[in-house]
Amino acid sequence: MILVKRLKYGDDLKKEIEKLCYENNVTSAVVISSVGCIYKATIRLADGVTIKEYNDNYEILSVNGTISKDGSHLHISFSDKKGSTFGGHLCYNTLVNTTCELAIVSIDNYSFIREYDEKTGYDELVIYKKEDF
């Protein structure tokens, strides 16, 4: 199944991705396309701790990642008016400006769950084939 949706001004990008999957009973999915713009970006940087906010007009270059019944793991890259590019782990409170056109593919023959991994300290993706259930 492919889900498509146009987000509008003020929509929280991460919340809307998760909501779209939840409303369609999709528990294993990937974002395959995201085109649009944001006026606020909230990301976690590569140190795994630092949350940074950007408040200006930005073009979305990509959003990608996985969505499971236990949550999502999404990254974003975006550019400013000068073409400088920023990116990181997509956090809530990243807000759509005029539009964001999303396409998400449900991975029906797999089940994605997230389990705590002692090595990383995060809930990490665990992938099962449906026939293994």
N, C-alpha and C. Protein backbone atom coordinates (compact mmCIF):
# COMPACT_ATOMS: atom_id res chain seq x y z
N MET A 1 0.85 -1.18 0.00
CA MET A 1 0.00 0.00 0.00
C MET A 1 0.89 1.23 0.00
N ILE A 2 0.49 2.21 -0.78
CA ILE A 2 1.18 3.50 -0.81
C ILE A 2 0.24 4.55 -0.23
N LEU A 3 0.76 5.32 0.71
CA LEU A 3 0.00 6.42 1.31
C LEU A 3 0.56 7.73 0.77
N VAL A 4 -0.31 8.62 0.38
CA VAL A 4 0.13 9.95 -0.06
C VAL A 4 -0.74 11.00 0.63
N LYS A 5 -0.10 12.10 0.97
CA LYS A 5 -0.83 13.17 1.63
C LYS A 5 -0.09 14.48 1.42
N ARG A 6 -0.86 15.53 1.29
CA ARG A 6 -0.29 16.88 1.25
C ARG A 6 -0.50 17.52 2.61
N LEU A 7 0.59 17.86 3.26
CA LEU A 7 0.52 18.58 4.53
C LEU A 7 0.43 20.06 4.24
N LYS A 8 -0.15 20.79 5.19
CA LYS A 8 -0.38 22.22 4.99
C LYS A 8 0.27 23.04 6.10
N TYR A 9 0.18 24.35 5.94
CA TYR A 9 0.83 25.29 6.86
C TYR A 9 0.54 24.94 8.33
N GLY A 10 1.60 24.87 9.10
CA GLY A 10 1.48 24.65 10.54
C GLY A 10 1.47 23.19 10.96
N ASP A 11 1.32 22.26 10.01
CA ASP A 11 1.33 20.84 10.37
C ASP A 11 2.70 20.45 10.90
N ASP A 12 2.70 19.62 11.93
CA ASP A 12 3.93 19.07 12.49
C ASP A 12 4.32 17.87 11.64
N LEU A 13 5.43 17.96 10.95
CA LEU A 13 5.83 16.96 9.97
C LEU A 13 5.91 15.55 10.56
N LYS A 14 6.59 15.38 11.66
CA LYS A 14 6.74 14.05 12.26
C LYS A 14 5.41 13.51 12.76
N LYS A 15 4.63 14.35 13.44
CA LYS A 15 3.32 13.91 13.93
C LYS A 15 2.43 13.46 12.79
N GLU A 16 2.44 14.20 11.69
CA GLU A 16 1.57 13.88 10.56
C GLU A 16 1.98 12.59 9.87
N ILE A 17 3.28 12.33 9.78
CA ILE A 17 3.74 11.06 9.21
C ILE A 17 3.25 9.90 10.06
N GLU A 18 3.45 10.00 11.36
CA GLU A 18 3.02 8.93 12.27
C GLU A 18 1.50 8.78 12.27
N LYS A 19 0.80 9.90 12.25
CA LYS A 19 -0.67 9.89 12.25
C LYS A 19 -1.21 9.24 10.98
N LEU A 20 -0.63 9.55 9.84
CA LEU A 20 -1.06 8.96 8.58
C LEU A 20 -0.94 7.44 8.62
N CYS A 21 0.16 6.95 9.15
CA CYS A 21 0.35 5.50 9.26
C CYS A 21 -0.64 4.90 10.26
N TYR A 22 -0.81 5.54 11.40
CA TYR A 22 -1.73 5.04 12.43
C TYR A 22 -3.16 4.96 11.90
N GLU A 23 -3.60 6.02 11.25
CA GLU A 23 -4.98 6.06 10.73
C GLU A 23 -5.25 5.01 9.65
N ASN A 24 -4.19 4.53 9.02
CA ASN A 24 -4.33 3.54 7.96
C ASN A 24 -3.87 2.14 8.40
N ASN A 25 -3.71 1.98 9.73
CA ASN A 25 -3.28 0.70 10.30
C ASN A 25 -1.99 0.17 9.69
N VAL A 26 -1.09 1.07 9.36
CA VAL A 26 0.21 0.69 8.80
C VAL A 26 1.20 0.62 9.95
N THR A 27 1.84 -0.54 10.10
CA THR A 27 2.77 -0.73 11.22
C THR A 27 4.21 -0.90 10.78
N SER A 28 4.44 -1.02 9.47
CA SER A 28 5.80 -1.16 8.94
C SER A 28 5.86 -0.39 7.63
N ALA A 29 6.61 0.72 7.63
CA ALA A 29 6.61 1.59 6.45
C ALA A 29 7.91 2.36 6.33
N VAL A 30 8.12 2.90 5.13
CA VAL A 30 9.25 3.79 4.88
C VAL A 30 8.75 5.01 4.12
N VAL A 31 9.39 6.14 4.37
CA VAL A 31 9.09 7.36 3.62
C VAL A 31 9.89 7.30 2.33
N ILE A 32 9.22 7.43 1.19
CA ILE A 32 9.94 7.37 -0.08
C ILE A 32 10.06 8.72 -0.78
N SER A 33 9.21 9.68 -0.41
CA SER A 33 9.31 10.99 -1.04
C SER A 33 8.73 12.05 -0.11
N SER A 34 9.37 13.20 -0.12
CA SER A 34 8.89 14.34 0.66
C SER A 34 9.40 15.61 0.00
N VAL A 35 8.47 16.39 -0.49
CA VAL A 35 8.82 17.62 -1.18
C VAL A 35 8.01 18.75 -0.57
N GLY A 36 8.68 19.83 -0.23
CA GLY A 36 7.95 20.95 0.33
C GLY A 36 8.87 21.90 1.07
N CYS A 37 8.29 22.60 2.03
CA CYS A 37 9.06 23.58 2.78
C CYS A 37 8.57 23.66 4.22
N ILE A 38 9.45 24.15 5.06
CA ILE A 38 9.16 24.30 6.48
C ILE A 38 9.59 25.70 6.92
N TYR A 39 8.96 26.17 8.00
CA TYR A 39 9.39 27.45 8.56
C TYR A 39 10.03 27.27 9.93
N LYS A 40 9.96 26.06 10.43
CA LYS A 40 10.64 25.74 11.68
C LYS A 40 11.10 24.30 11.60
N ALA A 41 12.36 24.08 11.93
CA ALA A 41 12.91 22.73 11.96
C ALA A 41 13.45 22.46 13.36
N THR A 42 13.12 21.30 13.88
CA THR A 42 13.66 20.86 15.15
C THR A 42 14.31 19.50 14.90
N ILE A 43 15.63 19.46 15.12
CA ILE A 43 16.37 18.23 14.86
C ILE A 43 17.27 17.88 16.04
N ARG A 44 17.59 16.60 16.13
CA ARG A 44 18.62 16.16 17.08
C ARG A 44 19.88 15.92 16.27
N LEU A 45 20.98 16.42 16.78
CA LEU A 45 22.24 16.32 16.06
C LEU A 45 22.90 14.96 16.29
N ALA A 46 24.00 14.73 15.57
CA ALA A 46 24.66 13.43 15.55
C ALA A 46 25.24 13.01 16.89
N ASP A 47 25.37 13.91 17.85
CA ASP A 47 25.86 13.50 19.16
C ASP A 47 24.80 12.73 19.95
N GLY A 48 23.57 12.69 19.42
CA GLY A 48 22.49 11.94 20.06
C GLY A 48 21.84 12.67 21.23
N VAL A 49 22.27 13.88 21.50
CA VAL A 49 21.78 14.62 22.67
C VAL A 49 21.27 16.01 22.30
N THR A 50 22.04 16.74 21.53
CA THR A 50 21.77 18.14 21.25
C THR A 50 20.55 18.30 20.33
N ILE A 51 19.57 19.08 20.82
CA ILE A 51 18.40 19.44 20.02
C ILE A 51 18.62 20.87 19.53
N LYS A 52 18.45 21.06 18.22
CA LYS A 52 18.66 22.38 17.63
C LYS A 52 17.41 22.80 16.87
N GLU A 53 17.04 24.06 17.02
CA GLU A 53 15.90 24.62 16.30
C GLU A 53 16.39 25.62 15.26
N TYR A 54 15.75 25.60 14.11
CA TYR A 54 16.01 26.54 13.04
C TYR A 54 14.69 27.24 12.76
N ASN A 55 14.70 28.56 12.72
CA ASN A 55 13.48 29.34 12.50
C ASN A 55 13.66 30.29 11.33
N ASP A 56 13.28 29.82 10.15
CA ASP A 56 13.33 30.61 8.93
C ASP A 56 12.61 29.79 7.86
N ASN A 57 12.66 30.23 6.62
CA ASN A 57 12.06 29.46 5.54
C ASN A 57 13.10 28.53 4.95
N TYR A 58 12.75 27.24 4.84
CA TYR A 58 13.67 26.22 4.34
C TYR A 58 12.96 25.33 3.34
N GLU A 59 13.74 24.85 2.37
CA GLU A 59 13.27 23.84 1.42
C GLU A 59 13.60 22.46 1.99
N ILE A 60 12.63 21.56 1.99
CA ILE A 60 12.89 20.18 2.38
C ILE A 60 13.61 19.51 1.22
N LEU A 61 14.78 18.95 1.48
CA LEU A 61 15.52 18.20 0.47
C LEU A 61 15.18 16.72 0.56
N SER A 62 14.98 16.25 1.78
CA SER A 62 14.58 14.86 1.96
C SER A 62 14.10 14.62 3.38
N VAL A 63 13.19 13.69 3.48
CA VAL A 63 12.81 13.07 4.75
C VAL A 63 12.84 11.58 4.46
N ASN A 64 13.55 10.83 5.26
CA ASN A 64 13.55 9.40 5.07
C ASN A 64 13.62 8.70 6.41
N GLY A 65 13.22 7.44 6.40
CA GLY A 65 13.28 6.67 7.61
C GLY A 65 12.20 5.61 7.66
N THR A 66 12.09 5.01 8.82
CA THR A 66 11.16 3.90 9.03
C THR A 66 10.10 4.28 10.06
N ILE A 67 8.93 3.67 9.88
CA ILE A 67 7.82 3.86 10.83
C ILE A 67 7.38 2.47 11.26
N SER A 68 7.27 2.29 12.57
CA SER A 68 6.79 1.02 13.12
C SER A 68 5.63 1.31 14.05
N LYS A 69 5.00 0.25 14.55
CA LYS A 69 3.90 0.44 15.49
C LYS A 69 4.40 1.06 16.80
N ASP A 70 5.71 0.98 17.04
CA ASP A 70 6.31 1.50 18.27
C ASP A 70 6.89 2.89 18.11
N GLY A 71 6.74 3.48 16.94
CA GLY A 71 7.28 4.81 16.72
C GLY A 71 8.04 4.89 15.41
N SER A 72 8.70 5.99 15.20
CA SER A 72 9.39 6.21 13.93
C SER A 72 10.85 6.59 14.18
N HIS A 73 11.64 6.40 13.15
CA HIS A 73 13.03 6.86 13.13
C HIS A 73 13.20 7.57 11.80
N LEU A 74 13.18 8.90 11.84
CA LEU A 74 13.15 9.72 10.64
C LEU A 74 14.28 10.75 10.66
N HIS A 75 14.86 10.99 9.50
CA HIS A 75 15.86 12.03 9.34
C HIS A 75 15.37 13.03 8.31
N ILE A 76 15.88 14.25 8.41
CA ILE A 76 15.51 15.32 7.48
C ILE A 76 16.75 16.07 7.05
N SER A 77 16.76 16.51 5.81
CA SER A 77 17.74 17.49 5.35
C SER A 77 16.97 18.63 4.70
N PHE A 78 17.46 19.85 4.88
CA PHE A 78 16.77 21.04 4.38
C PHE A 78 17.80 22.12 4.10
N SER A 79 17.43 23.06 3.23
CA SER A 79 18.36 24.13 2.87
C SER A 79 17.73 25.49 3.09
N ASP A 80 18.59 26.47 3.34
CA ASP A 80 18.12 27.83 3.57
C ASP A 80 18.16 28.65 2.28
N LYS A 81 17.91 29.95 2.40
CA LYS A 81 17.84 30.85 1.24
C LYS A 81 19.16 30.96 0.49
N LYS A 82 20.26 30.67 1.16
CA LYS A 82 21.58 30.75 0.53
C LYS A 82 22.02 29.39 -0.03
N GLY A 83 21.22 28.37 0.20
CA GLY A 83 21.58 27.05 -0.29
C GLY A 83 22.37 26.21 0.70
N SER A 84 22.62 26.75 1.88
CA SER A 84 23.30 25.96 2.91
C SER A 84 22.37 24.86 3.38
N THR A 85 22.94 23.69 3.61
CA THR A 85 22.14 22.52 3.95
C THR A 85 22.39 22.10 5.39
N PHE A 86 21.30 21.68 6.03
CA PHE A 86 21.34 21.23 7.42
C PHE A 86 20.58 19.92 7.50
N GLY A 87 20.82 19.17 8.55
CA GLY A 87 20.05 17.94 8.69
C GLY A 87 20.33 17.23 9.99
N GLY A 88 19.51 16.25 10.25
CA GLY A 88 19.66 15.45 11.46
C GLY A 88 18.41 14.61 11.69
N HIS A 89 18.29 14.12 12.90
CA HIS A 89 17.17 13.30 13.32
C HIS A 89 15.93 14.20 13.45
N LEU A 90 14.87 13.89 12.71
CA LEU A 90 13.66 14.70 12.72
C LEU A 90 12.96 14.59 14.08
N CYS A 91 12.70 15.74 14.68
CA CYS A 91 11.99 15.79 15.96
C CYS A 91 10.62 16.43 15.74
N TYR A 92 9.75 16.22 16.74
CA TYR A 92 8.46 16.92 16.72
C TYR A 92 8.73 18.42 16.73
N ASN A 93 7.77 19.19 16.27
CA ASN A 93 7.85 20.64 16.21
C ASN A 93 8.69 21.11 15.02
N THR A 94 8.66 20.32 13.95
CA THR A 94 9.14 20.76 12.65
C THR A 94 7.89 21.08 11.86
N LEU A 95 7.73 22.35 11.50
CA LEU A 95 6.44 22.84 11.03
C LEU A 95 6.45 23.20 9.55
N VAL A 96 5.44 22.68 8.84
CA VAL A 96 5.30 22.88 7.40
C VAL A 96 4.94 24.33 7.11
N ASN A 97 5.55 24.86 6.06
CA ASN A 97 5.22 26.20 5.59
C ASN A 97 4.07 26.08 4.59
N THR A 98 4.29 26.25 3.32
CA THR A 98 3.16 26.23 2.38
C THR A 98 2.66 24.82 2.08
N THR A 99 3.58 23.84 2.02
CA THR A 99 3.17 22.49 1.65
C THR A 99 4.26 21.48 1.99
N CYS A 100 3.86 20.24 2.10
CA CYS A 100 4.78 19.10 2.09
C CYS A 100 4.01 17.95 1.47
N GLU A 101 4.52 17.45 0.36
CA GLU A 101 3.88 16.34 -0.33
C GLU A 101 4.60 15.07 0.06
N LEU A 102 3.89 14.17 0.72
CA LEU A 102 4.47 12.94 1.27
C LEU A 102 4.04 11.71 0.50
N ALA A 103 4.95 10.77 0.39
CA ALA A 103 4.62 9.43 -0.10
C ALA A 103 5.29 8.43 0.83
N ILE A 104 4.49 7.51 1.33
CA ILE A 104 4.95 6.51 2.29
C ILE A 104 4.52 5.15 1.77
N VAL A 105 5.43 4.18 1.83
CA VAL A 105 5.11 2.83 1.38
C VAL A 105 5.03 1.91 2.59
N SER A 106 3.93 1.18 2.66
CA SER A 106 3.75 0.16 3.68
C SER A 106 4.50 -1.10 3.24
N ILE A 107 5.24 -1.69 4.15
CA ILE A 107 5.99 -2.91 3.88
C ILE A 107 5.18 -4.06 4.49
N ASP A 108 4.25 -4.59 3.72
CA ASP A 108 3.26 -5.53 4.24
C ASP A 108 3.81 -6.89 4.63
N ASN A 109 4.90 -7.33 4.00
CA ASN A 109 5.40 -8.67 4.30
C ASN A 109 6.43 -8.69 5.42
N TYR A 110 6.62 -7.54 6.08
CA TYR A 110 7.50 -7.45 7.23
C TYR A 110 6.78 -6.80 8.39
N SER A 111 7.27 -7.07 9.58
CA SER A 111 6.76 -6.41 10.77
C SER A 111 7.93 -5.70 11.43
N PHE A 112 7.79 -4.39 11.60
CA PHE A 112 8.81 -3.59 12.27
C PHE A 112 8.39 -3.37 13.72
N ILE A 113 9.30 -3.62 14.64
CA ILE A 113 9.09 -3.26 16.03
C ILE A 113 10.37 -2.58 16.53
N ARG A 114 10.28 -1.96 17.66
CA ARG A 114 11.46 -1.32 18.25
C ARG A 114 11.69 -1.92 19.64
N GLU A 115 12.93 -2.31 19.87
CA GLU A 115 13.31 -2.89 21.16
C GLU A 115 14.56 -2.17 21.66
N TYR A 116 14.63 -2.06 22.98
CA TYR A 116 15.78 -1.40 23.59
C TYR A 116 17.05 -2.19 23.29
N ASP A 117 18.09 -1.49 22.87
CA ASP A 117 19.39 -2.09 22.58
C ASP A 117 20.40 -1.54 23.59
N GLU A 118 20.93 -2.42 24.42
CA GLU A 118 21.87 -1.98 25.46
C GLU A 118 23.13 -1.34 24.89
N LYS A 119 23.56 -1.78 23.72
CA LYS A 119 24.77 -1.24 23.11
C LYS A 119 24.59 0.20 22.67
N THR A 120 23.41 0.53 22.14
CA THR A 120 23.21 1.88 21.62
C THR A 120 22.50 2.79 22.61
N GLY A 121 21.72 2.21 23.51
CA GLY A 121 20.94 3.01 24.45
C GLY A 121 19.64 3.54 23.87
N TYR A 122 19.27 3.04 22.69
CA TYR A 122 18.05 3.48 22.02
C TYR A 122 17.15 2.28 21.74
N ASP A 123 15.87 2.58 21.50
CA ASP A 123 14.96 1.57 20.98
C ASP A 123 15.27 1.45 19.50
N GLU A 124 15.81 0.29 19.10
CA GLU A 124 16.26 0.08 17.72
C GLU A 124 15.28 -0.79 16.96
N LEU A 125 15.31 -0.66 15.65
CA LEU A 125 14.43 -1.40 14.77
C LEU A 125 14.78 -2.89 14.77
N VAL A 126 13.75 -3.72 14.92
CA VAL A 126 13.87 -5.16 14.78
C VAL A 126 12.90 -5.55 13.68
N ILE A 127 13.40 -6.32 12.72
CA ILE A 127 12.62 -6.64 11.53
C ILE A 127 12.31 -8.13 11.50
N TYR A 128 11.03 -8.44 11.33
CA TYR A 128 10.57 -9.82 11.21
C TYR A 128 9.85 -9.97 9.88
N LYS A 129 10.06 -11.10 9.23
CA LYS A 129 9.23 -11.45 8.09
C LYS A 129 7.90 -11.93 8.64
N LYS A 130 6.81 -11.61 7.99
CA LYS A 130 5.49 -11.98 8.47
C LYS A 130 5.36 -13.49 8.69
N GLU A 131 6.00 -14.30 7.85
CA GLU A 131 5.90 -15.74 8.02
C GLU A 131 6.60 -16.25 9.27
N ASP A 132 7.46 -15.41 9.90
CA ASP A 132 8.14 -15.80 11.14
C ASP A 132 7.26 -15.64 12.36
N PHE A 133 6.09 -15.03 12.19
CA PHE A 133 5.22 -14.79 13.34
C PHE A 133 4.41 -16.01 13.68
